[in-house]
């Protein structure tokens, strides 16, 4: 199947990504740029194959299955698919308590 989905980043996801890149850039601007490119390349994969990510395990345990994720160690790009659009909702550090963050953000 040759899809061409739209990808829309939420304000929260943009803020997450900006925070990650700004934090890393304090010590290594080159590494921050490399990480940004890696994350954006993984996001670009969703244009053709949005189902490739797994259902977020912490949410699945709560019976919530409409959210998927791509792991870009140590970050997790959380998204939801509707028809021809992928909504990127969060970019989280997997070393944090992801379950609490997601349940707070996604059940508001």
N, C-alpha and C. Protein backbone atom coordinates (compact mmCIF):
# COMPACT_ATOMS: atom_id res chain seq x y z
N UNK A 1 0.85 -1.18 0.00
CA UNK A 1 0.00 0.00 0.00
C UNK A 1 0.89 1.24 0.00
N UNK A 2 0.64 2.13 -0.88
CA UNK A 2 1.46 3.33 -1.01
C UNK A 2 0.69 4.54 -0.50
N UNK A 3 0.82 4.82 0.79
CA UNK A 3 0.08 5.91 1.41
C UNK A 3 0.89 7.20 1.35
N UNK A 4 0.22 8.28 1.48
CA UNK A 4 0.85 9.60 1.59
C UNK A 4 0.09 10.39 2.64
N UNK A 5 0.28 10.02 3.88
CA UNK A 5 -0.43 10.69 4.96
C UNK A 5 0.15 12.06 5.26
N UNK A 6 -0.69 12.91 5.85
CA UNK A 6 -0.23 14.19 6.38
C UNK A 6 0.26 13.94 7.80
N UNK A 7 1.25 14.70 8.22
CA UNK A 7 1.73 14.62 9.59
C UNK A 7 1.60 16.00 10.21
N UNK A 8 0.90 16.04 11.33
CA UNK A 8 0.69 17.29 12.04
C UNK A 8 1.25 17.14 13.46
N UNK A 9 2.11 18.07 13.83
CA UNK A 9 2.68 18.07 15.17
C UNK A 9 1.84 18.95 16.09
N UNK A 10 1.50 18.42 17.26
CA UNK A 10 0.79 19.23 18.25
C UNK A 10 1.76 20.23 18.87
N UNK A 11 1.20 21.25 19.50
CA UNK A 11 2.03 22.23 20.20
C UNK A 11 2.86 21.55 21.29
N UNK A 12 2.27 20.57 21.96
CA UNK A 12 2.98 19.85 23.01
C UNK A 12 4.17 19.08 22.44
N UNK A 13 3.96 18.40 21.32
CA UNK A 13 5.06 17.64 20.70
C UNK A 13 6.17 18.58 20.23
N UNK A 14 5.79 19.71 19.64
CA UNK A 14 6.79 20.70 19.23
C UNK A 14 7.59 21.21 20.43
N UNK A 15 6.90 21.48 21.54
CA UNK A 15 7.58 21.94 22.75
C UNK A 15 8.50 20.86 23.31
N UNK A 16 8.03 19.61 23.28
CA UNK A 16 8.87 18.50 23.74
C UNK A 16 10.16 18.44 22.93
N UNK A 17 10.01 18.46 21.61
CA UNK A 17 11.18 18.35 20.73
C UNK A 17 12.11 19.55 20.91
N UNK A 18 11.56 20.73 20.99
CA UNK A 18 12.38 21.93 21.20
C UNK A 18 13.16 21.83 22.50
N UNK A 19 12.50 21.37 23.55
CA UNK A 19 13.16 21.22 24.84
C UNK A 19 14.31 20.23 24.80
N UNK A 20 14.09 19.12 24.12
CA UNK A 20 15.14 18.11 23.98
C UNK A 20 16.33 18.67 23.24
N UNK A 21 16.07 19.30 22.11
CA UNK A 21 17.15 19.82 21.26
C UNK A 21 17.89 20.96 21.97
N UNK A 22 17.17 21.86 22.60
CA UNK A 22 17.81 22.96 23.32
C UNK A 22 18.69 22.45 24.46
N UNK A 23 18.21 21.46 25.18
CA UNK A 23 18.97 20.90 26.29
C UNK A 23 20.28 20.28 25.79
N UNK A 24 20.19 19.49 24.75
CA UNK A 24 21.38 18.84 24.20
C UNK A 24 22.34 19.86 23.59
N UNK A 25 21.80 20.88 22.96
CA UNK A 25 22.62 21.91 22.30
C UNK A 25 23.47 22.70 23.29
N UNK A 26 23.06 22.75 24.56
CA UNK A 26 23.85 23.46 25.56
C UNK A 26 25.27 22.89 25.65
N UNK A 27 25.38 21.57 25.48
CA UNK A 27 26.69 20.91 25.57
C UNK A 27 27.26 20.54 24.22
N UNK A 28 26.39 20.31 23.24
CA UNK A 28 26.88 19.86 21.94
C UNK A 28 25.89 20.22 20.83
N UNK A 29 26.07 21.39 20.23
CA UNK A 29 25.18 21.78 19.13
C UNK A 29 25.20 20.78 17.98
N UNK A 30 26.34 20.21 17.70
CA UNK A 30 26.44 19.22 16.60
C UNK A 30 25.62 17.98 16.92
N UNK A 31 25.68 17.51 18.16
CA UNK A 31 24.90 16.34 18.56
C UNK A 31 23.41 16.66 18.54
N UNK A 32 23.04 17.86 18.95
CA UNK A 32 21.63 18.27 18.92
C UNK A 32 21.10 18.23 17.49
N UNK A 33 21.88 18.73 16.56
CA UNK A 33 21.47 18.72 15.15
C UNK A 33 21.32 17.29 14.64
N UNK A 34 22.26 16.43 15.01
CA UNK A 34 22.22 15.02 14.59
C UNK A 34 20.96 14.32 15.14
N UNK A 35 20.63 14.60 16.38
CA UNK A 35 19.44 13.99 17.00
C UNK A 35 18.17 14.52 16.35
N UNK A 36 18.12 15.81 16.08
CA UNK A 36 16.96 16.39 15.40
C UNK A 36 16.75 15.73 14.04
N UNK A 37 17.81 15.55 13.29
CA UNK A 37 17.71 14.91 11.98
C UNK A 37 17.22 13.47 12.13
N UNK A 38 17.73 12.75 13.12
CA UNK A 38 17.31 11.36 13.35
C UNK A 38 15.82 11.29 13.66
N UNK A 39 15.35 12.16 14.54
CA UNK A 39 13.93 12.16 14.91
C UNK A 39 13.07 12.54 13.70
N UNK A 40 13.47 13.54 12.95
CA UNK A 40 12.70 13.96 11.78
C UNK A 40 12.69 12.87 10.69
N UNK A 41 13.79 12.13 10.55
CA UNK A 41 13.81 11.03 9.58
C UNK A 41 12.85 9.92 9.99
N UNK A 42 12.78 9.62 11.28
CA UNK A 42 11.83 8.61 11.76
C UNK A 42 10.39 9.08 11.55
N UNK A 43 10.17 10.36 11.78
CA UNK A 43 8.84 10.93 11.54
C UNK A 43 8.47 10.80 10.07
N UNK A 44 9.41 11.05 9.18
CA UNK A 44 9.15 10.99 7.74
C UNK A 44 8.73 9.59 7.31
N UNK A 45 9.21 8.56 8.00
CA UNK A 45 8.81 7.18 7.69
C UNK A 45 7.30 6.99 7.85
N UNK A 46 6.68 7.80 8.68
CA UNK A 46 5.24 7.66 8.93
C UNK A 46 4.39 8.07 7.74
N UNK A 47 4.94 8.84 6.81
CA UNK A 47 4.18 9.23 5.61
C UNK A 47 3.69 8.01 4.84
N UNK A 48 4.56 7.03 4.71
CA UNK A 48 4.21 5.86 3.91
C UNK A 48 3.74 4.67 4.74
N UNK A 49 4.10 4.66 6.02
CA UNK A 49 3.79 3.50 6.83
C UNK A 49 3.43 3.89 8.26
N UNK A 50 2.30 4.55 8.45
CA UNK A 50 1.96 5.03 9.79
C UNK A 50 1.66 3.92 10.80
N UNK A 51 1.30 2.75 10.32
CA UNK A 51 0.98 1.64 11.23
C UNK A 51 2.23 0.94 11.78
N UNK A 52 3.40 1.35 11.32
CA UNK A 52 4.62 0.64 11.69
C UNK A 52 4.96 0.72 13.17
N UNK A 53 4.54 1.77 13.83
CA UNK A 53 4.82 1.90 15.26
C UNK A 53 3.95 0.96 16.08
N UNK A 54 4.44 0.66 17.26
CA UNK A 54 3.67 -0.23 18.15
C UNK A 54 2.66 0.58 18.96
N UNK A 55 1.64 -0.12 19.45
CA UNK A 55 0.71 0.51 20.38
C UNK A 55 1.49 0.80 21.65
N UNK A 56 1.27 1.97 22.25
CA UNK A 56 2.00 2.36 23.46
C UNK A 56 1.66 1.38 24.59
N UNK A 57 2.64 0.60 25.07
CA UNK A 57 2.35 -0.46 26.05
C UNK A 57 1.69 0.04 27.33
N UNK A 58 2.13 1.17 27.87
CA UNK A 58 1.57 1.67 29.12
C UNK A 58 0.10 2.04 28.97
N UNK A 59 -0.27 2.52 27.79
CA UNK A 59 -1.67 2.86 27.54
C UNK A 59 -2.48 1.62 27.21
N UNK A 60 -1.88 0.70 26.50
CA UNK A 60 -2.57 -0.55 26.16
C UNK A 60 -2.96 -1.29 27.44
N UNK A 61 -2.10 -1.23 28.45
CA UNK A 61 -2.42 -1.85 29.75
C UNK A 61 -3.65 -1.23 30.39
N UNK A 62 -3.96 0.01 30.01
CA UNK A 62 -5.13 0.73 30.52
C UNK A 62 -6.33 0.60 29.58
N UNK A 63 -6.19 -0.19 28.51
CA UNK A 63 -7.26 -0.38 27.54
C UNK A 63 -7.33 0.71 26.48
N UNK A 64 -6.29 1.53 26.38
CA UNK A 64 -6.25 2.62 25.41
C UNK A 64 -5.33 2.18 24.27
N UNK A 65 -5.90 1.97 23.08
CA UNK A 65 -5.11 1.38 22.00
C UNK A 65 -4.98 2.26 20.75
N UNK A 66 -5.51 3.47 20.77
CA UNK A 66 -5.46 4.30 19.56
C UNK A 66 -4.15 5.07 19.41
N UNK A 67 -3.26 4.97 20.37
CA UNK A 67 -1.99 5.69 20.31
C UNK A 67 -0.85 4.73 19.99
N UNK A 68 0.03 5.17 19.11
CA UNK A 68 1.16 4.35 18.68
C UNK A 68 2.45 5.11 18.98
N UNK A 69 3.56 4.42 18.88
CA UNK A 69 4.83 5.07 19.13
C UNK A 69 5.94 4.46 18.29
N UNK A 70 6.92 5.32 18.04
CA UNK A 70 8.18 4.89 17.44
C UNK A 70 9.25 5.20 18.48
N UNK A 71 10.07 4.22 18.77
CA UNK A 71 11.14 4.41 19.74
C UNK A 71 12.40 4.85 19.01
N UNK A 72 12.94 5.97 19.47
CA UNK A 72 14.19 6.52 18.96
C UNK A 72 15.04 6.70 20.21
N UNK A 73 15.63 5.64 20.66
CA UNK A 73 16.27 5.55 21.97
C UNK A 73 17.10 6.79 22.27
N UNK A 74 16.89 7.43 23.42
CA UNK A 74 15.99 7.09 24.52
C UNK A 74 14.62 7.78 24.45
N UNK A 75 14.25 8.28 23.28
CA UNK A 75 12.98 9.01 23.16
C UNK A 75 11.90 8.15 22.53
N UNK A 76 10.68 8.55 22.78
CA UNK A 76 9.51 7.87 22.22
C UNK A 76 8.62 8.92 21.57
N UNK A 77 8.38 8.77 20.28
CA UNK A 77 7.52 9.67 19.52
C UNK A 77 6.13 9.05 19.54
N UNK A 78 5.20 9.70 20.21
CA UNK A 78 3.84 9.19 20.40
C UNK A 78 2.91 9.86 19.38
N UNK A 79 2.08 9.05 18.71
CA UNK A 79 1.21 9.61 17.68
C UNK A 79 -0.11 8.85 17.61
N UNK A 80 -1.06 9.45 16.88
CA UNK A 80 -2.38 8.85 16.66
C UNK A 80 -2.69 9.00 15.17
N UNK A 81 -3.32 8.00 14.61
CA UNK A 81 -3.66 7.99 13.19
C UNK A 81 -5.16 8.16 13.02
N UNK A 82 -5.56 9.07 12.12
CA UNK A 82 -6.96 9.19 11.72
C UNK A 82 -7.00 9.31 10.21
N UNK A 83 -7.71 8.45 9.56
CA UNK A 83 -7.83 8.44 8.10
C UNK A 83 -6.49 8.68 7.42
N UNK A 84 -6.27 9.90 6.91
CA UNK A 84 -5.04 10.19 6.17
C UNK A 84 -4.11 11.13 6.92
N UNK A 85 -4.29 11.24 8.24
CA UNK A 85 -3.48 12.17 9.03
C UNK A 85 -2.85 11.45 10.22
N UNK A 86 -1.58 11.75 10.45
CA UNK A 86 -0.87 11.29 11.62
C UNK A 86 -0.65 12.51 12.51
N UNK A 87 -1.14 12.43 13.74
CA UNK A 87 -0.97 13.51 14.70
C UNK A 87 0.13 13.12 15.68
N UNK A 88 1.26 13.82 15.64
CA UNK A 88 2.33 13.59 16.60
C UNK A 88 1.96 14.35 17.85
N UNK A 89 1.85 13.62 18.97
CA UNK A 89 1.32 14.20 20.20
C UNK A 89 2.38 14.51 21.24
N UNK A 90 3.45 13.72 21.29
CA UNK A 90 4.48 13.91 22.30
C UNK A 90 5.79 13.30 21.84
N UNK A 91 6.87 13.85 22.34
CA UNK A 91 8.19 13.24 22.21
C UNK A 91 8.73 13.19 23.63
N UNK A 92 8.80 11.98 24.18
CA UNK A 92 9.13 11.82 25.59
C UNK A 92 10.43 11.06 25.79
N UNK A 93 11.10 11.39 26.86
CA UNK A 93 12.29 10.66 27.26
C UNK A 93 11.83 9.38 27.96
N UNK A 94 12.22 8.24 27.44
CA UNK A 94 11.77 6.95 27.97
C UNK A 94 12.27 6.70 29.39
N UNK A 95 13.22 7.48 29.85
CA UNK A 95 13.74 7.31 31.21
C UNK A 95 12.84 7.98 32.24
N UNK A 96 11.84 8.73 31.78
CA UNK A 96 10.87 9.34 32.68
C UNK A 96 9.73 8.37 32.94
N UNK A 97 8.82 8.73 33.84
CA UNK A 97 7.64 7.92 34.08
C UNK A 97 6.64 8.22 32.96
N UNK A 98 6.80 7.52 31.86
CA UNK A 98 6.02 7.77 30.65
C UNK A 98 4.53 7.52 30.88
N UNK A 99 4.20 6.51 31.63
CA UNK A 99 2.79 6.20 31.85
C UNK A 99 2.05 7.36 32.49
N UNK A 100 2.61 7.93 33.55
CA UNK A 100 1.94 9.05 34.21
C UNK A 100 1.84 10.26 33.30
N UNK A 101 2.92 10.56 32.56
CA UNK A 101 2.90 11.70 31.65
C UNK A 101 1.83 11.54 30.59
N UNK A 102 1.78 10.36 29.97
CA UNK A 102 0.81 10.13 28.91
C UNK A 102 -0.62 10.14 29.41
N UNK A 103 -0.87 9.48 30.52
CA UNK A 103 -2.23 9.46 31.04
C UNK A 103 -2.70 10.87 31.39
N UNK A 104 -1.80 11.69 31.91
CA UNK A 104 -2.16 13.07 32.22
C UNK A 104 -2.44 13.86 30.95
N UNK A 105 -1.56 13.74 29.95
CA UNK A 105 -1.70 14.51 28.71
C UNK A 105 -2.87 14.05 27.84
N UNK A 106 -3.06 12.76 27.75
CA UNK A 106 -4.01 12.24 26.76
C UNK A 106 -5.42 12.03 27.30
N UNK A 107 -5.60 12.15 28.59
CA UNK A 107 -6.94 11.95 29.12
C UNK A 107 -7.56 13.26 29.61
N UNK A 108 -6.95 14.38 29.25
CA UNK A 108 -7.53 15.69 29.62
C UNK A 108 -8.74 15.97 28.77
